[in-house]
Amino acid sequence: MKKLFTLVLALLLALSLAACGGGAGTGERVVRYGLSNAWDSLMPYNSPSGSNYSRIIYDKLYDRLAYVHADGTLDPRGAASWESADGGYAVLFHLDEGAAFHDGTPVTAAHWADTIALLTDPDCPTLGRGAFAVLAGTDDNGAAVEGETLGAEAVDTYTLKLTFKAPTTPEDFLLDKNREYYVLPTHLLEGTDPAELMTLELWEAPIGSGPCKFVSETPGSQLVLEANGDYQLGAPGFDRLVITVIDKSNLLTSLIAGDLDYYAFGGNVSVEDAQVAREAGLTVVEGTVPNYFYELMLNNETIPSAQVRRAIDLALDKATLCFQSAQGLGEPAASDLTPGTGYDSGLTWSRDVEGAKALLEQGGYDGRTYTLACTSTRAGLAALMQQELAEAGISVVIETVDSATLFAGMADGKYDMAIASHTPGALPLWFTESRFTQGNNIFHVADLTPYADFIAAIKGEGDPAARQALVAEFQAFLAEERPFIPLWFSRTLHVQSPAVDGIDYPSSTFSNENVWDWEYRSG
């Protein structure tokens, strides 16, 4: 009975997709797009989760200033070009004069400035205000401060000026915040009470300026978009994009069956499923830029000796751990700097058990047993770590918890170590900047001053060579203190769409997809 029920569900799913896909008999070019989790709002500043599943939707309906590639390079999008101003405290964005909202209204600098002014209004109940906290004239929560000039100005019709609290290069801002900034049709919002912004009917059938236009929505289930033929970077090579929420386990099978043409975030696939895809005749390609960074979080309060923390680093066989996790699609890490992004720590990794033993003695390790927290999916990794640490004389007991409990436990100081992974960024401070602050001292470092000083110096340095030197110096300091242990970076595999050409698979990691370059082909 259970098997029959499963088959019926699969048949219903296939019929549902077929009913809206392919454009059979209609002459329409319809791209059937799978998404494993639903968006939670069509208003880009009102997402309770702030998840990439929502951002990937906003990316199509609304415009962003730039397009971010997987390697951290940038292409024009809403802005045709940009440059620093005011001694590095501001950026001038020269907007693409061909950009227009879906109702035909040209997108101007005033639209961008008015969007930011509206969202930073303290009365506006936006859930995305924190992204504006970097701008001058805002408080730590991104709300405009009364009596201060907001750092968002329309210099002229097509020049937007953003002014920051600290020196910020255009590249740093875009890599960090591009996916958080969208331009709204403020010409349709004149006279709107900021307190009522999120409840407008406009967000039920939104008008943006992105490469796709809204057609219809079945909340939590399906979203139908059509190509914006007037998009400034070019019209997408399809007529409709039908986005359907499908269980993650069914994405690849739906692609193989021909019920989907593509699924979100580059069609990521595991090593095991990649073989299934190849056997089905699909092409699988390896990502060129890492999409995961693994670390061993350390509690610097319960492991106060830097020598002991460095001993833990030396005792781990990162190559073996990486192979078990990434299955040949990764490499051990000596730092948190993402490979391929132009920044080099100058550090190398090698296991040294005898060196670890010597450091333990120097650090006064008393043989105590440390608690290592992990999620159930990483229990095998934890067991291997436990064995490797024991070879150096370090005793560890494993505690398996869910992800939320793991991070909460590290924040509360309950655990001594924890295995974590993150989506890496192209900026040199993508990992460290948010983890060495009074508000998020998750490693329980006693004195954050040297970390804060390094971070401020790197953020304020505009000269590339001088910045690289500061980055290397900071990484050397981290290697000496070892407040956390970088483990490895891993890449992913992408299943290429059998029906759509022009997809930039790796760059979907940044929650942007180059749909204006997509070209649907039948057969």
Protein backbone atom coordinates (compact mmCIF):
# COMPACT_ATOMS: atom_id res chain seq x y z
CA MET A 1 0.00 0.00 0.00
CA LYS A 2 2.82 2.42 0.90
CA LYS A 3 4.61 1.69 -2.38
CA LEU A 4 1.38 2.25 -4.34
CA PHE A 5 0.82 5.56 -2.53
CA THR A 6 4.35 6.67 -3.41
CA LEU A 7 3.83 5.79 -7.08
CA VAL A 8 0.55 7.72 -7.17
CA LEU A 9 2.25 10.78 -5.69
CA ALA A 10 5.04 10.56 -8.24
CA LEU A 11 2.50 10.28 -11.08
CA LEU A 12 0.55 13.29 -9.80
CA LEU A 13 3.79 15.30 -9.59
CA ALA A 14 4.74 14.36 -13.14
CA LEU A 15 1.28 15.27 -14.44
CA SER A 16 1.41 18.60 -12.60
CA LEU A 17 4.76 19.47 -14.09
CA ALA A 18 3.77 18.30 -17.55
CA ALA A 19 0.61 20.41 -17.44
CA CYS A 20 2.63 23.60 -17.18
CA GLY A 21 5.87 22.58 -18.82
CA GLY A 22 7.49 22.39 -22.18
CA GLY A 23 4.91 24.47 -24.00
CA ALA A 24 3.86 21.40 -25.96
CA GLY A 25 1.39 22.41 -28.63
CA THR A 26 1.49 26.07 -27.67
CA GLY A 27 4.76 27.15 -29.25
CA GLU A 28 5.84 28.61 -25.91
CA ARG A 29 9.35 28.07 -24.59
CA VAL A 30 8.71 27.06 -20.98
CA VAL A 31 11.55 26.33 -18.58
CA ARG A 32 10.42 24.02 -15.76
CA TYR A 33 12.49 24.93 -12.71
CA GLY A 34 12.67 22.95 -9.46
CA LEU A 35 13.15 24.42 -5.98
CA SER A 36 13.41 22.24 -2.88
CA ASN A 37 12.14 24.89 -0.43
CA ALA A 38 9.50 27.56 -0.92
CA TRP A 39 10.08 31.32 -0.84
CA ASP A 40 8.35 32.98 2.11
CA SER A 41 7.43 36.34 0.58
CA LEU A 42 7.46 38.13 -2.78
CA MET A 43 8.47 41.39 -1.09
CA PRO A 44 12.29 41.27 -0.94
CA TYR A 45 12.55 43.12 2.36
CA ASN A 46 9.95 41.04 4.17
CA SER A 47 11.44 37.55 4.27
CA PRO A 48 11.18 35.98 7.75
CA SER A 49 13.86 33.41 6.90
CA GLY A 50 16.14 35.59 4.81
CA SER A 51 16.94 32.34 3.04
CA ASN A 52 18.62 31.81 -0.29
CA TYR A 53 15.42 30.13 -1.49
CA SER A 54 13.72 33.51 -1.25
CA ARG A 55 16.72 35.43 -2.61
CA ILE A 56 16.83 33.26 -5.73
CA ILE A 57 13.24 34.34 -6.44
CA TYR A 58 13.87 38.05 -5.76
CA ASP A 59 16.85 37.84 -8.11
CA LYS A 60 14.48 37.26 -11.00
CA LEU A 61 11.71 39.73 -10.16
CA TYR A 62 13.82 42.63 -8.93
CA ASP A 63 17.10 44.13 -10.05
CA ARG A 64 20.38 44.24 -8.16
CA LEU A 65 23.30 46.56 -8.74
CA ALA A 66 25.71 43.87 -9.96
CA TYR A 67 26.07 40.23 -10.93
CA VAL A 68 28.45 38.25 -8.73
CA HIS A 69 30.46 35.39 -10.20
CA ALA A 70 31.54 32.38 -8.18
CA ASP A 71 35.15 33.58 -8.15
CA GLY A 72 34.18 36.97 -6.70
CA THR A 73 34.44 38.95 -9.92
CA LEU A 74 31.62 41.35 -10.75
CA ASP A 75 29.65 42.26 -13.86
CA PRO A 76 27.28 45.22 -14.35
CA ARG A 77 23.59 44.67 -13.81
CA GLY A 78 21.41 47.51 -12.50
CA ALA A 79 24.57 49.62 -12.40
CA ALA A 80 26.65 49.92 -15.57
CA SER A 81 29.77 50.96 -13.62
CA TRP A 82 30.93 52.14 -10.20
CA GLU A 83 33.78 54.01 -8.56
CA SER A 84 34.99 55.06 -5.12
CA ALA A 85 34.45 58.62 -3.87
CA ASP A 86 35.05 60.77 -0.80
CA GLY A 87 38.32 59.13 0.12
CA GLY A 88 36.85 55.64 0.10
CA TYR A 89 33.85 56.50 2.27
CA ALA A 90 31.41 56.49 -0.67
CA VAL A 91 30.68 54.69 -3.93
CA LEU A 92 29.14 56.22 -7.03
CA PHE A 93 26.96 53.81 -9.01
CA HIS A 94 26.30 54.87 -12.59
CA LEU A 95 23.02 53.17 -13.37
CA ASP A 96 22.18 51.47 -16.65
CA GLU A 97 19.96 54.00 -18.40
CA GLY A 98 18.14 51.20 -20.21
CA ALA A 99 16.75 49.69 -17.01
CA ALA A 100 12.98 49.94 -16.54
CA PHE A 101 10.29 48.60 -14.26
CA HIS A 102 7.85 46.09 -15.62
CA ASP A 103 5.28 48.88 -16.08
CA GLY A 104 7.71 50.69 -18.40
CA THR A 105 8.87 53.36 -15.92
CA PRO A 106 12.64 54.01 -16.16
CA VAL A 107 14.66 53.01 -13.10
CA THR A 108 16.43 56.08 -11.72
CA ALA A 109 18.79 56.87 -8.89
CA ALA A 110 15.82 58.39 -7.06
CA HIS A 111 14.12 54.98 -7.06
CA TRP A 112 17.18 53.45 -5.37
CA ALA A 113 17.58 56.30 -2.87
CA ASP A 114 13.86 56.37 -2.08
CA THR A 115 13.84 52.59 -1.60
CA ILE A 116 16.60 52.86 1.00
CA ALA A 117 14.97 55.86 2.69
CA LEU A 118 11.68 53.97 2.95
CA LEU A 119 13.24 50.79 4.33
CA THR A 120 15.40 52.61 6.87
CA ASP A 121 12.45 54.59 8.21
CA PRO A 122 12.12 53.44 11.85
CA ASP A 123 8.35 53.04 11.36
CA CYS A 124 8.80 50.58 8.49
CA PRO A 125 8.46 46.98 9.78
CA THR A 126 10.99 45.55 7.32
CA LEU A 127 12.80 42.32 8.11
CA GLY A 128 15.77 43.26 5.92
CA ARG A 129 16.85 46.53 7.50
CA GLY A 130 20.11 45.18 8.94
CA ALA A 131 21.65 45.28 5.46
CA PHE A 132 21.57 49.09 5.61
CA ALA A 133 23.49 49.35 8.89
CA VAL A 134 26.71 49.93 6.90
CA LEU A 135 25.35 53.24 5.54
CA ALA A 136 26.04 56.61 7.12
CA GLY A 137 23.09 58.03 9.00
CA THR A 138 21.82 54.68 10.29
CA ASP A 139 22.06 52.99 13.67
CA ASP A 140 23.43 49.50 14.32
CA ASN A 141 20.10 48.00 13.24
CA GLY A 142 19.97 49.90 9.93
CA ALA A 143 17.33 52.40 10.98
CA ALA A 144 17.77 56.03 9.93
CA VAL A 145 18.92 58.29 12.77
CA GLU A 146 16.89 61.47 13.15
CA GLY A 147 18.91 64.59 12.35
CA GLU A 148 21.61 62.71 10.41
CA THR A 149 22.01 62.54 6.64
CA LEU A 150 21.19 59.12 5.22
CA GLY A 151 23.98 57.71 3.09
CA ALA A 152 21.83 57.14 -0.01
CA GLU A 153 21.59 60.03 -2.48
CA ALA A 154 20.48 60.53 -6.08
CA VAL A 155 23.31 62.73 -7.37
CA ASP A 156 21.55 63.02 -10.71
CA THR A 157 19.01 61.00 -12.66
CA TYR A 158 21.26 57.98 -13.13
CA THR A 159 23.94 58.35 -10.45
CA LEU A 160 23.40 56.80 -7.03
CA LYS A 161 25.77 57.69 -4.22
CA LEU A 162 26.07 55.42 -1.18
CA THR A 163 28.06 56.75 1.77
CA PHE A 164 29.37 54.40 4.43
CA LYS A 165 30.34 54.64 8.08
CA ALA A 166 33.80 53.24 7.32
CA PRO A 167 35.99 53.22 4.20
CA THR A 168 34.51 50.62 1.84
CA THR A 169 35.58 49.63 -1.65
CA PRO A 170 32.85 49.08 -4.26
CA GLU A 171 33.92 45.45 -4.59
CA ASP A 172 33.70 44.81 -0.84
CA PHE A 173 30.23 46.32 -0.66
CA LEU A 174 28.90 44.41 -3.64
CA LEU A 175 30.34 41.06 -2.59
CA ASP A 176 28.95 41.52 0.90
CA LYS A 177 25.59 43.21 0.33
CA ASN A 178 24.60 42.91 -3.33
CA ARG A 179 22.07 40.13 -2.70
CA GLU A 180 20.41 42.23 0.02
CA TYR A 181 19.79 45.41 -2.03
CA TYR A 182 16.88 45.55 -4.51
CA VAL A 183 15.23 48.56 -6.10
CA LEU A 184 11.49 48.96 -5.51
CA PRO A 185 8.95 50.78 -7.72
CA THR A 186 8.75 53.76 -5.39
CA HIS A 187 6.80 55.74 -8.00
CA LEU A 188 3.91 53.40 -7.08
CA LEU A 189 4.48 53.92 -3.35
CA GLU A 190 4.06 57.69 -3.11
CA GLY A 191 2.14 58.63 0.01
CA THR A 192 2.49 55.14 1.48
CA ASP A 193 2.72 55.06 5.26
CA PRO A 194 6.03 53.25 6.00
CA ALA A 195 4.23 51.31 8.72
CA GLU A 196 1.86 49.85 6.10
CA LEU A 197 4.45 49.05 3.43
CA MET A 198 4.59 45.30 3.99
CA THR A 199 0.82 44.82 3.77
CA LEU A 200 0.28 46.38 0.33
CA GLU A 201 -1.52 44.34 -2.34
CA LEU A 202 1.36 45.24 -4.67
CA TRP A 203 3.44 42.39 -3.22
CA GLU A 204 0.80 39.85 -4.23
CA ALA A 205 1.53 40.67 -7.89
CA PRO A 206 4.81 42.58 -7.65
CA ILE A 207 6.22 44.96 -10.23
CA GLY A 208 9.99 44.87 -10.25
CA SER A 209 12.65 45.65 -12.84
CA GLY A 210 14.31 42.23 -13.01
CA PRO A 211 14.69 39.86 -15.96
CA CYS A 212 11.36 38.14 -15.24
CA LYS A 213 7.81 39.43 -14.72
CA PHE A 214 5.23 38.06 -12.30
CA VAL A 215 2.37 36.02 -13.78
CA SER A 216 0.82 33.97 -10.97
CA GLU A 217 1.55 32.29 -7.66
CA THR A 218 0.30 29.29 -5.75
CA PRO A 219 1.82 30.17 -2.37
CA GLY A 220 4.38 27.65 -1.18
CA SER A 221 3.92 25.53 -4.28
CA GLN A 222 4.39 27.19 -7.65
CA LEU A 223 5.39 30.52 -9.16
CA VAL A 224 4.92 31.37 -12.83
CA LEU A 225 7.06 34.12 -14.36
CA GLU A 226 7.46 35.40 -17.90
CA ALA A 227 10.54 36.76 -19.63
CA ASN A 228 11.07 40.51 -19.47
CA GLY A 229 11.69 41.29 -23.12
CA ASP A 230 12.96 44.76 -22.26
CA TYR A 231 15.54 43.75 -19.64
CA GLN A 232 18.64 45.91 -20.06
CA LEU A 233 21.05 42.95 -20.24
CA GLY A 234 18.93 41.18 -22.82
CA ALA A 235 15.69 39.23 -22.96
CA PRO A 236 15.83 35.70 -21.51
CA GLY A 237 15.69 33.03 -24.19
CA PHE A 238 12.43 31.57 -22.94
CA ASP A 239 8.82 32.69 -22.66
CA ARG A 240 7.87 31.39 -19.22
CA LEU A 241 9.71 30.18 -16.15
CA VAL A 242 7.60 27.83 -14.02
CA ILE A 243 9.13 27.39 -10.57
CA THR A 244 7.76 24.37 -8.69
CA VAL A 245 8.54 23.33 -5.12
CA ILE A 246 9.65 19.69 -5.12
CA ASP A 247 11.13 17.56 -2.37
CA LYS A 248 14.93 17.60 -2.59
CA SER A 249 15.07 13.82 -3.03
CA ASN A 250 12.95 14.10 -6.20
CA LEU A 251 14.87 16.87 -7.99
CA LEU A 252 17.35 14.68 -9.85
CA THR A 253 14.81 11.97 -10.66
CA SER A 254 12.47 14.62 -12.07
CA LEU A 255 15.31 16.00 -14.20
CA ILE A 256 16.16 12.52 -15.49
CA ALA A 257 12.49 11.78 -16.21
CA GLY A 258 12.19 14.97 -18.24
CA ASP A 259 9.70 16.57 -15.86
CA LEU A 260 12.17 19.36 -14.97
CA ASP A 261 14.57 21.29 -17.14
CA TYR A 262 16.75 22.57 -14.30
CA TYR A 263 16.76 22.88 -10.53
CA ALA A 264 18.03 25.75 -8.41
CA PHE A 265 21.51 26.46 -7.08
CA GLY A 266 23.38 25.04 -10.02
CA GLY A 267 21.75 21.63 -10.05
CA ASN A 268 24.04 20.56 -7.22
CA VAL A 269 24.43 16.82 -6.89
CA SER A 270 26.32 14.40 -4.62
CA VAL A 271 29.07 12.13 -5.90
CA GLU A 272 26.76 9.10 -5.67
CA ASP A 273 23.89 10.82 -7.48
CA ALA A 274 26.27 12.20 -10.09
CA GLN A 275 26.92 8.63 -11.25
CA VAL A 276 23.16 8.08 -11.51
CA ALA A 277 22.88 11.25 -13.60
CA ARG A 278 25.70 10.18 -15.92
CA GLU A 279 24.17 6.74 -16.40
CA ALA A 280 20.95 8.50 -17.40
CA GLY A 281 22.81 10.41 -20.10
CA LEU A 282 23.14 13.76 -18.32
CA THR A 283 26.36 15.77 -18.23
CA VAL A 284 27.92 16.43 -14.84
CA VAL A 285 30.59 19.10 -14.36
CA GLU A 286 32.74 19.90 -11.36
CA GLY A 287 32.55 23.34 -9.76
CA THR A 288 35.67 25.46 -10.01
CA VAL A 289 35.24 27.48 -6.80
CA PRO A 290 34.63 25.97 -3.32
CA ASN A 291 31.05 26.10 -2.09
CA TYR A 292 31.65 24.70 1.43
CA PHE A 293 34.13 25.57 4.17
CA TYR A 294 34.46 23.21 7.12
CA GLU A 295 35.82 24.33 10.46
CA LEU A 296 36.30 22.93 13.94
CA MET A 297 34.86 25.52 16.29
CA LEU A 298 36.81 25.89 19.54
CA ASN A 299 35.80 27.26 22.93
CA ASN A 300 38.77 29.45 23.84
CA GLU A 301 37.51 29.78 27.41
CA THR A 302 37.57 26.04 28.14
CA ILE A 303 40.66 25.54 25.93
CA PRO A 304 42.55 28.70 26.99
CA SER A 305 46.03 27.62 25.84
CA ALA A 306 46.98 28.57 22.26
CA GLN A 307 49.52 25.71 22.32
CA VAL A 308 46.77 23.20 23.06
CA ARG A 309 44.56 24.66 20.33
CA ARG A 310 47.46 24.42 17.86
CA ALA A 311 48.07 20.85 19.02
CA ILE A 312 44.50 19.95 18.11
CA ASP A 313 45.12 21.43 14.67
CA LEU A 314 48.31 19.40 14.14
CA ALA A 315 46.75 16.18 15.43
CA LEU A 316 43.93 16.14 12.84
CA ASP A 317 44.44 14.43 9.51
CA LYS A 318 42.58 16.97 7.41
CA ALA A 319 43.31 15.13 4.17
CA THR A 320 41.57 11.98 5.39
CA LEU A 321 38.69 13.95 6.89
CA CYS A 322 38.26 15.95 3.70
CA PHE A 323 38.26 12.83 1.54
CA GLN A 324 35.62 11.17 3.72
CA SER A 325 33.41 14.25 3.52
CA ALA A 326 34.05 15.61 0.03
CA GLN A 327 34.94 12.34 -1.70
CA GLY A 328 37.76 13.83 -3.72
CA LEU A 329 36.12 17.23 -4.34
CA GLY A 330 38.07 19.24 -1.79
CA GLU A 331 41.40 20.10 -0.26
CA PRO A 332 42.68 20.62 3.31
CA ALA A 333 42.79 24.22 4.51
CA ALA A 334 45.45 26.12 6.43
CA SER A 335 43.27 29.26 6.60
CA ASP A 336 39.73 30.49 6.06
CA LEU A 337 40.67 32.34 2.84
CA THR A 338 38.65 30.91 -0.03
CA PRO A 339 40.91 29.42 -2.75
CA GLY A 340 40.65 31.07 -6.15
CA THR A 341 39.61 34.49 -4.86
CA GLY A 342 43.02 36.18 -5.08
CA TYR A 343 43.94 36.22 -1.39
CA ASP A 344 46.80 34.09 -0.09
CA SER A 345 47.61 33.35 3.55
CA GLY A 346 51.08 32.06 2.76
CA LEU A 347 50.33 29.13 5.11
CA THR A 348 50.49 25.42 4.40
CA TRP A 349 49.03 22.42 6.21
CA SER A 350 50.59 19.12 7.26
CA ARG A 351 49.75 16.67 10.02
CA ASP A 352 52.33 16.36 12.82
CA VAL A 353 51.30 14.09 15.69
CA GLU A 354 54.66 14.35 17.48
CA GLY A 355 54.55 18.13 17.16
CA ALA A 356 51.05 18.06 18.64
CA LYS A 357 52.31 16.06 21.64
CA ALA A 358 55.08 18.59 22.24
CA LEU A 359 52.63 21.50 22.12
CA LEU A 360 50.30 19.73 24.56
CA GLU A 361 53.14 19.50 27.05
CA GLN A 362 54.06 23.14 26.54
CA GLY A 363 50.43 24.17 26.97
CA GLY A 364 49.98 22.23 30.18
CA TYR A 365 47.28 19.88 28.92
CA ASP A 366 46.14 17.88 31.94
CA GLY A 367 44.44 15.02 30.12
CA ARG A 368 40.94 16.36 30.53
CA THR A 369 38.21 15.11 28.19
CA TYR A 370 36.78 17.62 25.75
CA THR A 371 33.22 17.55 24.41
CA LEU A 372 32.93 17.49 20.61
CA ALA A 373 29.47 18.41 19.29
CA CYS A 374 28.26 17.39 15.84
CA THR A 375 25.04 16.77 13.92
CA SER A 376 23.99 13.21 13.19
CA THR A 377 25.10 13.47 9.55
CA ARG A 378 28.64 14.19 10.74
CA ALA A 379 28.87 11.52 13.41
CA GLY A 380 31.30 9.55 11.23
CA LEU A 381 33.57 12.58 10.88
CA ALA A 382 33.44 13.15 14.62
CA ALA A 383 34.40 9.53 15.31
CA LEU A 384 37.36 9.83 12.97
CA MET A 385 38.44 13.07 14.65
CA GLN A 386 38.13 11.38 18.03
CA GLN A 387 40.46 8.62 16.87
CA GLU A 388 43.02 11.04 15.36
CA LEU A 389 43.08 13.24 18.46
CA ALA A 390 43.54 10.16 20.66
CA GLU A 391 46.70 9.33 18.71
CA ALA A 392 48.17 12.59 20.04
CA GLY A 393 46.87 11.94 23.55
CA ILE A 394 43.81 14.23 23.41
CA SER A 395 40.66 12.76 24.93
CA VAL A 396 37.30 13.61 23.33
CA VAL A 397 33.72 12.55 23.94
CA ILE A 398 31.16 13.06 21.15
CA GLU A 399 27.73 14.61 21.65
CA THR A 400 25.31 14.39 18.72
CA VAL A 401 22.78 17.25 18.52
CA ASP A 402 20.79 19.17 15.93
CA SER A 403 22.32 22.20 14.21
CA ALA A 404 20.47 24.81 16.26
CA THR A 405 21.50 23.16 19.53
CA LEU A 406 25.10 22.91 18.33
CA PHE A 407 25.45 26.64 17.63
CA ALA A 408 23.50 27.62 20.73
CA GLY A 409 25.71 25.34 22.81
CA MET A 410 28.88 26.88 21.42
CA ALA A 411 27.50 30.38 22.01
CA ASP A 412 26.64 29.44 25.61
CA GLY A 413 30.02 27.81 26.22
CA LYS A 414 28.52 24.35 26.74
CA TYR A 415 30.78 22.53 24.26
CA ASP A 416 34.55 22.58 23.83
CA MET A 417 34.50 21.87 20.09
CA ALA A 418 31.97 21.55 17.28
CA ILE A 419 32.07 20.64 13.60
CA ALA A 420 30.48 23.30 11.37
CA SER A 421 30.30 24.17 7.68
CA HIS A 422 29.57 27.40 5.85
CA THR A 423 29.15 28.79 2.34
CA PRO A 424 32.44 30.63 1.74
CA GLY A 425 32.74 34.13 0.31
CA ALA A 426 35.24 35.96 -1.86
CA LEU A 427 36.12 38.66 0.68
CA PRO A 428 39.15 38.07 2.93
CA LEU A 429 37.03 38.73 6.03
CA TRP A 430 33.98 36.73 4.95
CA PHE A 431 34.43 34.37 7.89
CA THR A 432 36.28 36.32 10.55
CA GLU A 433 34.55 39.71 10.53
CA SER A 434 31.32 38.58 12.14
CA ARG A 435 32.87 36.11 14.57
CA PHE A 436 35.14 38.35 16.59
CA THR A 437 32.70 40.92 17.88
CA GLN A 438 31.23 41.53 21.32
CA GLY A 439 27.83 40.57 19.97
CA ASN A 440 29.02 37.31 18.39
CA ASN A 441 32.12 36.15 20.24
CA ILE A 442 31.20 32.54 19.49
CA PHE A 443 34.74 31.29 20.13
CA HIS A 444 34.79 32.95 23.58
CA VAL A 445 38.04 34.83 22.95
CA ALA A 446 39.13 36.68 26.10
CA ASP A 447 40.54 39.74 24.33
CA LEU A 448 39.00 40.69 20.99
CA THR A 449 41.10 43.85 20.58
CA PRO A 450 43.81 42.47 18.25
CA TYR A 451 41.18 40.77 16.08
CA ALA A 452 39.12 43.95 15.83
CA ASP A 453 42.24 45.97 15.00
CA PHE A 454 43.23 43.64 12.16
CA ILE A 455 39.70 43.56 10.76
CA ALA A 456 39.37 47.36 10.84
CA ALA A 457 42.76 47.81 9.15
CA ILE A 458 41.93 45.35 6.37
CA LYS A 459 38.50 46.88 5.75
CA GLY A 460 39.99 50.37 5.57
CA GLU A 461 42.85 49.53 3.21
CA GLY A 462 42.09 50.31 -0.43
CA ASP A 463 45.48 49.50 -1.93
CA PRO A 464 45.41 45.84 -3.09
CA ALA A 465 49.05 45.07 -2.29
CA ALA A 466 48.89 46.66 1.16
CA ARG A 467 45.64 44.88 1.84
CA GLN A 468 47.09 41.51 0.87
CA ALA A 469 49.98 42.14 3.25
CA LEU A 470 47.55 42.88 6.09
CA VAL A 471 45.51 39.79 5.26
CA ALA A 472 48.63 37.60 5.41
CA GLU A 473 49.65 39.19 8.72
CA PHE A 474 46.21 38.56 10.17
CA GLN A 475 46.28 34.94 9.01
CA ALA A 476 49.68 34.45 10.65
CA PHE A 477 48.20 35.81 13.89
CA LEU A 478 45.23 33.43 13.58
CA ALA A 479 47.58 30.50 12.99
CA GLU A 480 49.48 31.36 16.16
CA GLU A 481 46.35 31.81 18.30
CA ARG A 482 44.17 29.18 16.57
CA PRO A 483 40.81 30.39 17.97
CA PHE A 484 39.19 28.01 15.45
CA ILE A 485 40.60 25.34 13.15
CA PRO A 486 40.11 25.58 9.37
CA LEU A 487 39.57 22.04 8.11
CA TRP A 488 38.92 21.99 4.36
CA PHE A 489 37.17 23.58 1.39
CA SER A 490 35.06 21.46 -0.92
CA ARG A 491 33.50 21.94 -4.32
CA THR A 492 30.28 20.60 -5.73
CA LEU A 493 29.11 18.83 -8.85
CA HIS A 494 26.56 20.37 -11.19
CA VAL A 495 24.13 18.48 -13.41
CA GLN A 496 23.78 20.39 -16.66
CA SER A 497 20.30 21.09 -17.94
CA PRO A 498 19.38 18.96 -20.94
CA ALA A 499 17.11 21.73 -22.25
CA VAL A 500 18.64 25.09 -21.31
CA ASP A 501 21.92 26.55 -22.54
CA GLY A 502 23.88 29.46 -21.08
CA ILE A 503 23.48 28.68 -17.38
CA ASP A 504 26.26 29.91 -15.08
CA TYR A 505 26.06 26.98 -12.66
CA PRO A 506 28.73 27.91 -10.05
CA SER A 507 27.55 31.50 -9.56
CA SER A 508 24.17 30.38 -8.25
CA THR A 509 26.04 30.02 -4.93
CA PHE A 510 25.63 33.80 -4.62
CA SER A 511 21.85 33.45 -5.09
CA ASN A 512 22.00 35.02 -8.52
CA GLU A 513 21.27 33.33 -11.84
CA ASN A 514 22.03 34.79 -15.25
CA VAL A 515 18.59 34.05 -16.69
CA TRP A 516 19.05 36.78 -19.33
CA ASP A 517 21.66 34.48 -20.90
CA TRP A 518 19.53 31.34 -20.74
CA GLU A 519 18.34 29.86 -24.00
CA TYR A 520 15.64 27.19 -24.01
CA ARG A 521 15.93 24.54 -26.69
CA SER A 522 13.41 21.77 -27.22
CA GLY A 523 14.29 18.20 -28.04
